[in-house]
């Protein structure tokens, strides 16, 4: 798999969403990307559906901040989320269980 840019990965995220793994999860996550491809996106998971939009969520229950390259590597399976967190490459505010679970809701 060739490396993609942040926007491409985010546009494809709903296609890789695994609804059955979401269960009854109701989540609004704010994703703040830093670095060369910086930007802000909202990932909404509700009723076994995933949506991604540009912008800032007023009611986010989870906020994730990471470098764009690290985000792409994480989604493409080249970066382990636990190691990235322990190394300070992913920062989050909010529910830790949801933060740990969100990565497993998508095919890599």
Protein backbone atom coordinates (compact mmCIF):
# COMPACT_ATOMS: atom_id res chain seq x y z
CA UNK A 1 0.00 0.00 0.00
CA UNK A 2 1.38 3.36 -0.93
CA UNK A 3 1.29 6.12 1.62
CA UNK A 4 -1.56 8.58 1.23
CA UNK A 5 -2.03 12.09 2.50
CA UNK A 6 -4.14 12.93 5.55
CA UNK A 7 -7.13 14.22 3.60
CA UNK A 8 -7.27 11.08 1.40
CA UNK A 9 -7.15 8.83 4.45
CA UNK A 10 -9.88 10.78 6.22
CA UNK A 11 -12.13 10.76 3.14
CA UNK A 12 -11.79 6.96 2.95
CA UNK A 13 -12.24 6.36 6.69
CA UNK A 14 -16.03 5.72 6.52
CA UNK A 15 -15.43 3.07 3.82
CA UNK A 16 -13.10 1.20 6.19
CA UNK A 17 -15.44 1.48 9.18
CA UNK A 18 -16.57 -1.84 10.69
CA UNK A 19 -20.12 -1.15 11.99
CA UNK A 20 -20.45 -4.37 13.99
CA UNK A 21 -17.41 -3.48 16.09
CA UNK A 22 -18.93 -0.13 17.03
CA UNK A 23 -21.81 -1.68 18.95
CA UNK A 24 -23.71 1.10 20.69
CA UNK A 25 -20.81 3.55 20.60
CA UNK A 26 -21.88 7.17 20.39
CA UNK A 27 -18.81 9.32 19.83
CA UNK A 28 -17.90 12.74 18.54
CA UNK A 29 -14.11 12.95 18.25
CA UNK A 30 -12.12 16.06 17.44
CA UNK A 31 -9.02 15.21 15.40
CA UNK A 32 -6.35 17.91 15.32
CA UNK A 33 -3.58 17.15 12.83
CA UNK A 34 -0.28 19.01 13.17
CA UNK A 35 2.69 19.31 10.83
CA UNK A 36 2.76 19.81 7.07
CA UNK A 37 -0.83 18.64 6.57
CA UNK A 38 -2.33 20.33 9.60
CA UNK A 39 -6.07 20.69 9.94
CA UNK A 40 -9.05 19.90 12.11
CA UNK A 41 -11.65 17.21 11.50
CA UNK A 42 -14.66 15.77 13.30
CA UNK A 43 -15.19 12.00 13.38
CA UNK A 44 -18.72 11.05 14.39
CA UNK A 45 -19.70 7.48 15.21
CA UNK A 46 -23.34 6.84 16.01
CA UNK A 47 -25.89 4.13 15.22
CA UNK A 48 -23.14 2.00 13.63
CA UNK A 49 -22.37 4.77 11.14
CA UNK A 50 -19.19 6.82 10.68
CA UNK A 51 -18.93 10.33 9.25
CA UNK A 52 -15.89 12.57 8.82
CA UNK A 53 -16.13 16.34 8.33
CA UNK A 54 -13.71 19.23 8.40
CA UNK A 55 -14.11 21.58 11.33
CA UNK A 56 -14.16 21.87 15.09
CA UNK A 57 -16.67 19.97 17.22
CA UNK A 58 -18.31 21.92 20.00
CA UNK A 59 -19.47 18.75 21.75
CA UNK A 60 -16.50 16.38 21.28
CA UNK A 61 -16.19 13.68 23.93
CA UNK A 62 -12.69 12.85 22.70
CA UNK A 63 -9.90 15.01 21.31
CA UNK A 64 -6.94 13.47 19.49
CA UNK A 65 -3.86 15.44 18.44
CA UNK A 66 -1.09 14.00 16.28
CA UNK A 67 1.25 14.72 13.40
CA UNK A 68 -0.15 14.05 9.93
CA UNK A 69 2.48 11.45 9.02
CA UNK A 70 1.87 9.60 12.30
CA UNK A 71 -1.88 9.63 11.62
CA UNK A 72 -1.45 8.10 8.16
CA UNK A 73 1.01 5.52 9.52
CA UNK A 74 -1.45 4.63 12.29
CA UNK A 75 -4.37 4.15 9.90
CA UNK A 76 -2.24 2.22 7.39
CA UNK A 77 -1.00 -0.12 10.15
CA UNK A 78 2.63 1.01 10.30
CA UNK A 79 2.32 2.64 13.73
CA UNK A 80 1.08 0.85 16.83
CA UNK A 81 -1.39 3.11 18.69
CA UNK A 82 -0.25 2.04 22.16
CA UNK A 83 3.42 2.65 21.40
CA UNK A 84 2.60 5.97 19.75
CA UNK A 85 0.72 7.09 22.85
CA UNK A 86 3.53 5.97 25.18
CA UNK A 87 6.04 7.89 23.01
CA UNK A 88 3.90 11.03 23.15
CA UNK A 89 3.13 10.93 19.43
CA UNK A 90 -0.61 10.79 20.11
CA UNK A 91 -2.17 13.07 22.67
CA UNK A 92 -5.76 12.77 23.76
CA UNK A 93 -8.28 14.38 26.06
CA UNK A 94 -11.41 12.58 27.13
CA UNK A 95 -12.46 8.97 27.56
CA UNK A 96 -9.36 6.74 27.38
CA UNK A 97 -11.39 3.58 26.68
CA UNK A 98 -12.98 5.16 23.63
CA UNK A 99 -9.60 6.47 22.49
CA UNK A 100 -8.13 2.97 22.65
CA UNK A 101 -11.15 1.40 20.98
CA UNK A 102 -11.57 3.79 18.06
CA UNK A 103 -8.58 2.48 16.06
CA UNK A 104 -10.04 -1.05 16.08
CA UNK A 105 -13.24 0.17 14.40
CA UNK A 106 -11.49 0.49 11.03
CA UNK A 107 -9.90 -1.97 8.61
CA UNK A 108 -6.27 -1.12 7.93
